[in-house]
Amino acid sequence: MAISGNPKKFARDIGEGFFTLSTATLRQYAPADLKVILTNLGIVARELRGEQIPLEDVLALKAKNMKLSRLNQADMIIRAHCKKLRIPL
């Protein structure tokens, strides 16, 4: 199944917590789609790390760190899934 819509928006939704990845949900994607998702996860994480948030805004810092955590977790899940199925990235 191909990625429906914009892959960068899909990666942002993962960071926001609207969509979670698991091995069951990754089965529907082709290897090329997994590469595109992985690339866009990296792009969104890089943009998120570049945001400057004042240190006094604790809630915004917490939200930023949660988004980064979700993106890193999705990255690890995709890489583990590809390693298990011997899909080259």
C-alpha atoms as a PDB file:
ATOM      1  CA  MET A   1       0.000   0.000   0.000  1.00  0.00           C
ATOM      2  CA  ALA A   2       1.374   3.379  -0.932  1.00  0.00           C
ATOM      3  CA  ILE A   3       1.563   6.304   1.435  1.00  0.00           C
ATOM      4  CA  SER A   4      -1.633   8.305   1.171  1.00  0.00           C
ATOM      5  CA  GLY A   5      -0.965  12.037   1.131  1.00  0.00           C
ATOM      6  CA  ASN A   6       2.212  13.904   1.912  1.00  0.00           C
ATOM      7  CA  PRO A   7       4.943  11.764   3.563  1.00  0.00           C
ATOM      8  CA  LYS A   8       6.277  14.786   5.478  1.00  0.00           C
ATOM      9  CA  LYS A   9       2.822  15.406   6.924  1.00  0.00           C
ATOM     10  CA  PHE A  10       2.674  11.726   7.858  1.00  0.00           C
ATOM     11  CA  ALA A  11       5.986  12.092   9.727  1.00  0.00           C
ATOM     12  CA  ARG A  12       4.679  15.198  11.513  1.00  0.00           C
ATOM     13  CA  ASP A  13       1.563  13.285  12.554  1.00  0.00           C
ATOM     14  CA  ILE A  14       3.784  10.589  14.040  1.00  0.00           C
ATOM     15  CA  GLY A  15       5.681  13.263  15.975  1.00  0.00           C
ATOM     16  CA  GLU A  16       2.476  14.835  17.227  1.00  0.00           C
ATOM     17  CA  GLY A  17       1.211  11.454  18.415  1.00  0.00           C
ATOM     18  CA  PHE A  18      -1.757  11.202  16.046  1.00  0.00           C
ATOM     19  CA  PHE A  19      -0.378   8.031  14.458  1.00  0.00           C
ATOM     20  CA  THR A  20       1.758   5.293  15.957  1.00  0.00           C
ATOM     21  CA  LEU A  21       3.806   2.722  14.106  1.00  0.00           C
ATOM     22  CA  SER A  22       4.012  -0.953  14.934  1.00  0.00           C
ATOM     23  CA  THR A  23       5.143  -4.006  13.041  1.00  0.00           C
ATOM     24  CA  ALA A  24       1.515  -4.755  12.195  1.00  0.00           C
ATOM     25  CA  THR A  25       1.000  -1.340  10.588  1.00  0.00           C
ATOM     26  CA  LEU A  26       4.334  -1.525   8.747  1.00  0.00           C
ATOM     27  CA  ARG A  27       3.362  -4.714   6.902  1.00  0.00           C
ATOM     28  CA  GLN A  28       1.154  -2.778   4.516  1.00  0.00           C
ATOM     29  CA  TYR A  29       4.026  -0.628   3.211  1.00  0.00           C
ATOM     30  CA  ALA A  30       6.442  -1.566   0.438  1.00  0.00           C
ATOM     31  CA  PRO A  31      10.207  -1.260   1.036  1.00  0.00           C
ATOM     32  CA  ALA A  32      10.335   1.934  -1.036  1.00  0.00           C
ATOM     33  CA  ASP A  33       7.576   3.446   1.112  1.00  0.00           C
ATOM     34  CA  LEU A  34       9.469   2.568   4.290  1.00  0.00           C
ATOM     35  CA  LYS A  35      12.529   4.390   2.936  1.00  0.00           C
ATOM     36  CA  VAL A  36      10.437   7.467   2.182  1.00  0.00           C
ATOM     37  CA  ILE A  37       8.888   7.421   5.663  1.00  0.00           C
ATOM     38  CA  LEU A  38      12.306   7.003   7.278  1.00  0.00           C
ATOM     39  CA  THR A  39      13.745   9.896   5.272  1.00  0.00           C
ATOM     40  CA  ASN A  40      10.868  12.178   6.203  1.00  0.00           C
ATOM     41  CA  LEU A  41      11.115  11.207   9.872  1.00  0.00           C
ATOM     42  CA  GLY A  42      14.723  12.399   9.770  1.00  0.00           C
ATOM     43  CA  ILE A  43      13.766  15.658   8.056  1.00  0.00           C
ATOM     44  CA  VAL A  44      11.028  16.445  10.573  1.00  0.00           C
ATOM     45  CA  ALA A  45      13.319  15.559  13.505  1.00  0.00           C
ATOM     46  CA  ARG A  46      16.026  17.848  12.106  1.00  0.00           C
ATOM     47  CA  GLU A  47      13.545  20.717  11.752  1.00  0.00           C
ATOM     48  CA  LEU A  48      12.278  20.118  15.275  1.00  0.00           C
ATOM     49  CA  ARG A  49      15.786  20.135  16.743  1.00  0.00           C
ATOM     50  CA  GLY A  50      16.424  23.456  15.006  1.00  0.00           C
ATOM     51  CA  GLU A  51      13.557  25.209  16.800  1.00  0.00           C
ATOM     52  CA  GLN A  52      14.691  27.609  19.504  1.00  0.00           C
ATOM     53  CA  ILE A  53      12.482  27.511  22.581  1.00  0.00           C
ATOM     54  CA  PRO A  54      13.125  29.751  25.597  1.00  0.00           C
ATOM     55  CA  LEU A  55      14.272  27.823  28.641  1.00  0.00           C
ATOM     56  CA  GLU A  56      11.536  29.411  30.757  1.00  0.00           C
ATOM     57  CA  ASP A  57       8.815  27.728  28.679  1.00  0.00           C
ATOM     58  CA  VAL A  58       8.906  24.316  30.319  1.00  0.00           C
ATOM     59  CA  LEU A  59       5.722  23.008  28.670  1.00  0.00           C
ATOM     60  CA  ALA A  60       6.990  23.832  25.181  1.00  0.00           C
ATOM     61  CA  LEU A  61      10.310  22.122  25.953  1.00  0.00           C
ATOM     62  CA  LYS A  62       8.467  19.056  27.187  1.00  0.00           C
ATOM     63  CA  ALA A  63       6.297  18.987  24.046  1.00  0.00           C
ATOM     64  CA  LYS A  64       9.365  19.313  21.815  1.00  0.00           C
ATOM     65  CA  ASN A  65      11.135  16.476  23.624  1.00  0.00           C
ATOM     66  CA  MET A  66       8.047  14.250  23.403  1.00  0.00           C
ATOM     67  CA  LYS A  67       7.843  14.841  19.641  1.00  0.00           C
ATOM     68  CA  LEU A  68      11.518  13.990  19.255  1.00  0.00           C
ATOM     69  CA  SER A  69      11.020  10.886  21.365  1.00  0.00           C
ATOM     70  CA  ARG A  70       8.109   9.699  19.206  1.00  0.00           C
ATOM     71  CA  LEU A  71      10.075  10.329  16.008  1.00  0.00           C
ATOM     72  CA  ASN A  72      13.101   8.434  17.321  1.00  0.00           C
ATOM     73  CA  GLN A  73      10.902   5.560  18.464  1.00  0.00           C
ATOM     74  CA  ALA A  74       9.265   5.344  15.027  1.00  0.00           C
ATOM     75  CA  ASP A  75      12.718   5.388  13.408  1.00  0.00           C
ATOM     76  CA  MET A  76      13.873   2.500  15.587  1.00  0.00           C
ATOM     77  CA  ILE A  77      10.693   0.503  14.911  1.00  0.00           C
ATOM     78  CA  ILE A  78      11.086   0.879  11.136  1.00  0.00           C
ATOM     79  CA  ARG A  79      14.780  -0.041  11.234  1.00  0.00           C
ATOM     80  CA  ALA A  80      14.090  -3.113  13.392  1.00  0.00           C
ATOM     81  CA  HIS A  81      11.253  -4.190  11.097  1.00  0.00           C
ATOM     82  CA  CYS A  82      13.482  -3.826   8.024  1.00  0.00           C
ATOM     83  CA  LYS A  83      16.316  -5.694   9.705  1.00  0.00           C
ATOM     84  CA  LYS A  84      14.011  -8.547  10.663  1.00  0.00           C
ATOM     85  CA  LEU A  85      12.655  -8.874   7.112  1.00  0.00           C
ATOM     86  CA  ARG A  86      16.087  -8.208   5.554  1.00  0.00           C
ATOM     87  CA  ILE A  87      14.932  -5.104   3.718  1.00  0.00           C
ATOM     88  CA  PRO A  88      17.946  -2.970   2.761  1.00  0.00           C
ATOM     89  CA  LEU A  89      17.685   0.682   3.682  1.00  0.00           C
END
